[in-house]
Amino acid sequence: QLSFSAMAPSSKLDEYLQQDFQETIKKYDELWEAQDPEETPYKSKYVAREMLEITVKQVEKLIAEEADEEAADRGREVMARLFLFLGKNLYFCEEVPQAEKYLIRSLERYLRSPLRMSPEPFCFIQDVLNQLGMLWCNRGGHSEGMNFLRRSQVMYVNRPQAVRDECEQRCEDNYTMTLFFLAQAYGALQKPSLSARFCAETMSRQLESNAGQRSKEAKERDPFDCKDWIRNCCALSDFFVNECMFWTAEYLLHSALVMCESCQEVSGIRPDNIDELRAECLRDTANMYAVRLKFARTCAENPSAWEEVWRGERKAKRVAPEDAASEGTKLSFRVAADRVERPPEGGTGPIQWDSIFPEVVHLEDEEAQDDRLAEESEAAVRSFSRGGWPWWVGGLSV
């Protein structure tokens, strides 16, 4: 765990990190929250960026003068963090190529850092992977973005106990963003079932996070949009209706209706036009029941065909070439903004890959898990149709 304020300064670098660096970050946060006029929308962000660039030069100088290797490692971790902040600043100011350059440099430095398993750096690595995934998805490069998002997902699943003990909420918040971007990426890659799965998990986490007690500052910084959550429930229910998964669609629509009644309690305000939105939810619920009745009639008229219909998009088994599935995807630290070959960031030795920071990620892993879930569902359906419970009992199928 890195806690500069708790360390006794043993060198100029440590002293700088405990005092000047902390003051710079505090001022940077104030500038980041500043609202600029429309004529100069990025004025305060440019000033904040200059502060970071000056800090980078100072930390680089102090690292070069530092004799103690542990102190130098702390300085290098701060450099990676500063590059992350610069990347986010540049992206906000719509300077995307330069933003990618700094984010990649931050990631490479963090992966080489011996402190990468410490709770605070671990959460920053999650953040930089999410930022790179978002950047590529917004470019339309969803396959490239998945390379970073899957790594963030693997990190979270295999996170060390120290992270769970000291930074669990922050780690969970970062993972919620990972799920949000995964839902978008899978949707763009024409994998609707995976997109729906991650969308549902994101919404569940949003509600869990915002339904509890939150400070006034937290609500102002990250307000919960009840209307947006309700619309997402309705949109997601459409997918499940099309898949003939009516029980899930019904659950989502009833959740949306409950939120219509609970907006004041959850978010502290009653949004405008919430009554109109509730009417839309009731309309969608009625449409869902109408489709459900039509499906039930079709199944009654043609009992042998209903199971195939219910399988939906899983009618055809997806078969990927073995070599393509086994190769996976590696990281590249080259970006278009690098006009010349640059030396490795944060050291010259090889990066140490492991189960938390794998050299290769396989984008097919989630798809394989989705297929396994489908096979389990289909096996259950066959057992019901062979003499178990009738398929219409208790909403198990429709």
Foldseek 3Di string as FASTA:
>chain_A
DDDLCPDDDPFPLSVCVNPVVVVLVVQLVVLVPDQDDPVCRCVSLVVNLVSLVVVLVVLVVRLVVDPDVVSNLVSLLVNLVSLQVNLVSCVVVVVNQSSLLSLLLSLLQLLQRPCCLAQVNVLVNLVSLLVQLVSCVVVVNLVVSVQSLVLSVLLLVPRDVNNCVPPVVSSVVSNLSSLQSQLSSCVSVVNNVSNLVSLVVSLVVLQVVQQDDDDPVVCVVPNDDLLVSLVSLLVSLVVCLQLLLLVSSLVSLVVSLVSLVCVCNRRVDNDPPSVVSNVVSVVSNVVSVVSNVVLVVVCVVPVVCSLCSNLPPPNDPDDDDPVVQPVADFDDSDGPPPPDDDARRNDNDDRDADSSRHRGDGPCPVVVVVVVVSVVLSVVVVVCVVPNPPPVPPSPRD
